[in-house]
N, C-alpha and C. Protein backbone atom coordinates (compact mmCIF):
# COMPACT_ATOMS: atom_id res chain seq x y z
N MET A 1 -46.53 -23.40 -22.06
CA MET A 1 -46.22 -22.69 -20.85
C MET A 1 -46.08 -21.20 -21.18
N THR A 2 -46.56 -20.34 -20.30
CA THR A 2 -46.53 -18.90 -20.56
C THR A 2 -45.29 -18.28 -19.92
N ASN A 3 -44.84 -17.20 -20.51
CA ASN A 3 -43.69 -16.47 -19.96
C ASN A 3 -44.13 -15.63 -18.78
N THR A 4 -43.32 -15.62 -17.77
CA THR A 4 -43.62 -14.77 -16.61
C THR A 4 -42.96 -13.41 -16.81
N VAL A 5 -43.25 -12.50 -15.93
CA VAL A 5 -42.69 -11.15 -16.02
C VAL A 5 -41.17 -11.20 -15.85
N LEU A 6 -40.68 -12.09 -14.98
CA LEU A 6 -39.25 -12.18 -14.75
C LEU A 6 -38.51 -12.68 -15.99
N GLU A 7 -39.08 -13.61 -16.71
CA GLU A 7 -38.43 -14.13 -17.90
C GLU A 7 -38.39 -13.09 -19.01
N GLU A 8 -39.38 -12.28 -19.11
CA GLU A 8 -39.44 -11.28 -20.17
C GLU A 8 -38.50 -10.11 -19.90
N SER A 9 -38.31 -9.75 -18.64
CA SER A 9 -37.48 -8.59 -18.32
C SER A 9 -36.02 -8.97 -18.03
N TYR A 10 -35.66 -10.23 -18.22
CA TYR A 10 -34.30 -10.66 -17.92
C TYR A 10 -33.32 -10.07 -18.94
N GLN A 11 -32.23 -9.50 -18.42
CA GLN A 11 -31.14 -9.02 -19.26
C GLN A 11 -29.85 -9.57 -18.68
N PRO A 12 -28.98 -10.11 -19.51
CA PRO A 12 -27.73 -10.68 -18.99
C PRO A 12 -26.85 -9.61 -18.36
N TYR A 13 -26.06 -10.04 -17.38
CA TYR A 13 -25.15 -9.13 -16.69
C TYR A 13 -23.95 -8.85 -17.59
N ILE A 14 -23.66 -7.58 -17.76
CA ILE A 14 -22.47 -7.16 -18.50
C ILE A 14 -21.59 -6.40 -17.52
N ALA A 15 -20.39 -6.92 -17.31
CA ALA A 15 -19.48 -6.32 -16.33
C ALA A 15 -19.03 -4.94 -16.81
N PRO A 16 -18.90 -4.00 -15.87
CA PRO A 16 -18.43 -2.67 -16.25
C PRO A 16 -16.96 -2.72 -16.67
N THR A 17 -16.57 -1.77 -17.48
CA THR A 17 -15.18 -1.68 -17.93
C THR A 17 -14.31 -1.25 -16.76
N PRO A 18 -13.22 -1.96 -16.47
CA PRO A 18 -12.35 -1.56 -15.36
C PRO A 18 -11.72 -0.20 -15.62
N ALA A 19 -11.47 0.53 -14.55
CA ALA A 19 -10.88 1.87 -14.69
C ALA A 19 -9.45 1.79 -15.19
N ALA A 20 -8.76 0.69 -14.94
CA ALA A 20 -7.36 0.56 -15.34
C ALA A 20 -7.20 0.50 -16.85
N VAL A 21 -8.24 0.15 -17.58
CA VAL A 21 -8.15 0.06 -19.03
C VAL A 21 -7.87 1.43 -19.64
N ASN A 22 -8.42 2.47 -19.05
CA ASN A 22 -8.29 3.81 -19.61
C ASN A 22 -7.08 4.56 -19.08
N LYS A 23 -6.24 3.93 -18.27
CA LYS A 23 -5.09 4.60 -17.68
C LYS A 23 -3.88 4.50 -18.59
N GLU A 24 -2.98 5.44 -18.43
CA GLU A 24 -1.76 5.48 -19.21
C GLU A 24 -0.57 5.39 -18.26
N ILE A 25 0.40 4.58 -18.59
CA ILE A 25 1.61 4.45 -17.76
C ILE A 25 2.55 5.59 -18.08
N VAL A 26 2.95 6.31 -17.05
CA VAL A 26 3.85 7.44 -17.22
C VAL A 26 5.24 7.01 -16.74
N LEU A 27 6.20 7.13 -17.59
CA LEU A 27 7.57 6.79 -17.22
C LEU A 27 8.17 7.90 -16.38
N LEU A 28 8.81 7.53 -15.28
CA LEU A 28 9.41 8.50 -14.38
C LEU A 28 10.91 8.58 -14.64
N PRO A 29 11.50 9.76 -14.42
CA PRO A 29 12.95 9.86 -14.58
C PRO A 29 13.66 9.13 -13.44
N TRP A 30 14.93 8.80 -13.68
CA TRP A 30 15.72 8.08 -12.68
C TRP A 30 15.91 8.90 -11.41
N SER A 31 15.77 10.19 -11.48
CA SER A 31 15.98 11.04 -10.31
C SER A 31 14.76 11.11 -9.39
N SER A 32 13.65 10.52 -9.78
CA SER A 32 12.42 10.61 -8.98
C SER A 32 12.58 10.09 -7.56
N PRO A 33 13.18 8.90 -7.32
CA PRO A 33 13.31 8.45 -5.93
C PRO A 33 14.12 9.42 -5.06
N PHE A 34 15.13 10.05 -5.64
CA PHE A 34 15.92 11.00 -4.86
C PHE A 34 15.12 12.26 -4.54
N THR A 35 14.26 12.64 -5.46
CA THR A 35 13.37 13.77 -5.21
C THR A 35 12.42 13.44 -4.06
N TRP A 36 11.88 12.21 -4.05
CA TRP A 36 10.96 11.80 -2.98
C TRP A 36 11.68 11.75 -1.64
N LEU A 37 12.93 11.25 -1.64
CA LEU A 37 13.70 11.21 -0.40
C LEU A 37 13.98 12.63 0.11
N ARG A 38 14.32 13.54 -0.78
CA ARG A 38 14.58 14.92 -0.38
C ARG A 38 13.32 15.55 0.21
N LEU A 39 12.18 15.34 -0.43
CA LEU A 39 10.93 15.90 0.08
C LEU A 39 10.54 15.25 1.41
N GLY A 40 10.77 13.96 1.54
CA GLY A 40 10.49 13.28 2.80
C GLY A 40 11.37 13.79 3.93
N TRP A 41 12.64 14.02 3.63
CA TRP A 41 13.55 14.54 4.64
C TRP A 41 13.12 15.94 5.08
N ARG A 42 12.66 16.74 4.11
CA ARG A 42 12.18 18.08 4.45
C ARG A 42 10.97 17.99 5.37
N ASP A 43 10.07 17.04 5.11
CA ASP A 43 8.91 16.85 5.99
C ASP A 43 9.33 16.41 7.38
N LEU A 44 10.29 15.48 7.45
CA LEU A 44 10.73 14.99 8.75
C LEU A 44 11.39 16.07 9.58
N THR A 45 12.20 16.90 8.95
CA THR A 45 12.86 17.96 9.71
C THR A 45 11.91 19.09 10.06
N ALA A 46 10.86 19.28 9.28
CA ALA A 46 9.90 20.35 9.58
C ALA A 46 9.01 19.99 10.76
N HIS A 47 8.68 18.70 10.92
CA HIS A 47 7.77 18.25 11.99
C HIS A 47 8.35 17.01 12.65
N PRO A 48 9.36 17.16 13.50
CA PRO A 48 10.03 15.98 14.06
C PRO A 48 9.18 15.16 15.03
N LEU A 49 8.26 15.77 15.74
CA LEU A 49 7.49 15.02 16.73
C LEU A 49 6.41 14.14 16.11
N THR A 50 5.93 14.49 14.94
CA THR A 50 4.87 13.69 14.33
C THR A 50 5.41 12.38 13.77
N ARG A 51 6.70 12.29 13.52
CA ARG A 51 7.26 11.06 12.98
C ARG A 51 7.66 10.08 14.08
N SER A 52 7.67 10.51 15.29
CA SER A 52 8.18 9.71 16.39
C SER A 52 7.51 8.34 16.55
N PRO A 53 6.18 8.22 16.65
CA PRO A 53 5.59 6.89 16.85
C PRO A 53 5.84 5.94 15.68
N ALA A 54 5.72 6.42 14.48
CA ALA A 54 5.96 5.55 13.33
C ALA A 54 7.43 5.17 13.26
N HIS A 55 8.30 6.10 13.54
CA HIS A 55 9.74 5.85 13.50
C HIS A 55 10.12 4.78 14.52
N GLN A 56 9.56 4.89 15.71
CA GLN A 56 9.88 3.91 16.75
C GLN A 56 9.36 2.53 16.40
N SER A 57 8.20 2.43 15.78
CA SER A 57 7.69 1.11 15.42
C SER A 57 8.58 0.46 14.36
N PHE A 58 9.07 1.24 13.41
CA PHE A 58 9.98 0.67 12.42
C PHE A 58 11.30 0.26 13.04
N LEU A 59 11.77 1.02 14.03
CA LEU A 59 13.00 0.63 14.72
C LEU A 59 12.81 -0.70 15.46
N TRP A 60 11.66 -0.86 16.11
CA TRP A 60 11.40 -2.12 16.81
C TRP A 60 11.30 -3.29 15.83
N LEU A 61 10.66 -3.06 14.71
CA LEU A 61 10.58 -4.12 13.70
C LEU A 61 11.96 -4.48 13.18
N ALA A 62 12.79 -3.48 12.95
CA ALA A 62 14.16 -3.76 12.49
C ALA A 62 14.94 -4.52 13.56
N PHE A 63 14.76 -4.16 14.82
CA PHE A 63 15.45 -4.85 15.91
C PHE A 63 15.01 -6.32 15.98
N LEU A 64 13.72 -6.55 15.90
CA LEU A 64 13.23 -7.93 15.95
C LEU A 64 13.69 -8.74 14.75
N GLU A 65 13.67 -8.14 13.58
CA GLU A 65 14.11 -8.83 12.38
C GLU A 65 15.61 -9.13 12.46
N HIS A 66 16.37 -8.19 12.94
CA HIS A 66 17.82 -8.40 13.06
C HIS A 66 18.10 -9.53 14.05
N GLY A 67 17.34 -9.57 15.11
CA GLY A 67 17.54 -10.64 16.09
C GLY A 67 17.23 -12.01 15.53
N THR A 68 16.24 -12.10 14.66
CA THR A 68 15.90 -13.40 14.09
C THR A 68 16.82 -13.78 12.95
N CYS A 69 17.37 -12.81 12.24
CA CYS A 69 18.25 -13.13 11.11
C CYS A 69 19.65 -13.53 11.56
N THR A 70 20.10 -13.04 12.70
CA THR A 70 21.46 -13.33 13.14
C THR A 70 21.54 -14.60 13.97
N GLY A 71 20.46 -15.28 14.15
CA GLY A 71 20.48 -16.52 14.91
C GLY A 71 20.12 -16.32 16.36
N ARG A 72 20.12 -15.09 16.84
CA ARG A 72 19.71 -14.84 18.22
C ARG A 72 18.19 -14.92 18.27
N SER A 73 17.69 -15.53 19.28
CA SER A 73 16.24 -15.66 19.36
C SER A 73 15.66 -14.52 20.19
N VAL A 74 14.64 -13.93 19.66
CA VAL A 74 13.89 -12.90 20.37
C VAL A 74 12.50 -13.46 20.57
N SER A 75 12.12 -13.67 21.82
CA SER A 75 10.82 -14.26 22.07
C SER A 75 9.95 -13.29 22.86
N VAL A 76 8.69 -13.38 22.61
CA VAL A 76 7.72 -12.55 23.32
C VAL A 76 6.81 -13.50 24.08
N ARG A 77 6.72 -13.31 25.38
CA ARG A 77 5.88 -14.19 26.20
C ARG A 77 4.46 -13.65 26.25
N THR A 78 3.53 -14.55 26.09
CA THR A 78 2.13 -14.12 26.16
C THR A 78 1.46 -14.72 27.37
């Protein structure tokens, strides 16, 4: 039997090296979360209207979660 063009040009698949292999883990100081909170608070106070829709959705989620955790039922009719 003769070899076809496909059999001669076949090369096995070699997966590319993941990008995570070349990354280095950087240890953060314990004060980093407080720095992020301070910067976030500065953003919120600088632009109060842009946070409104996201803030309200989190408040509703907290309200619904609180209602289900305390034994009170919160139902939504569809």
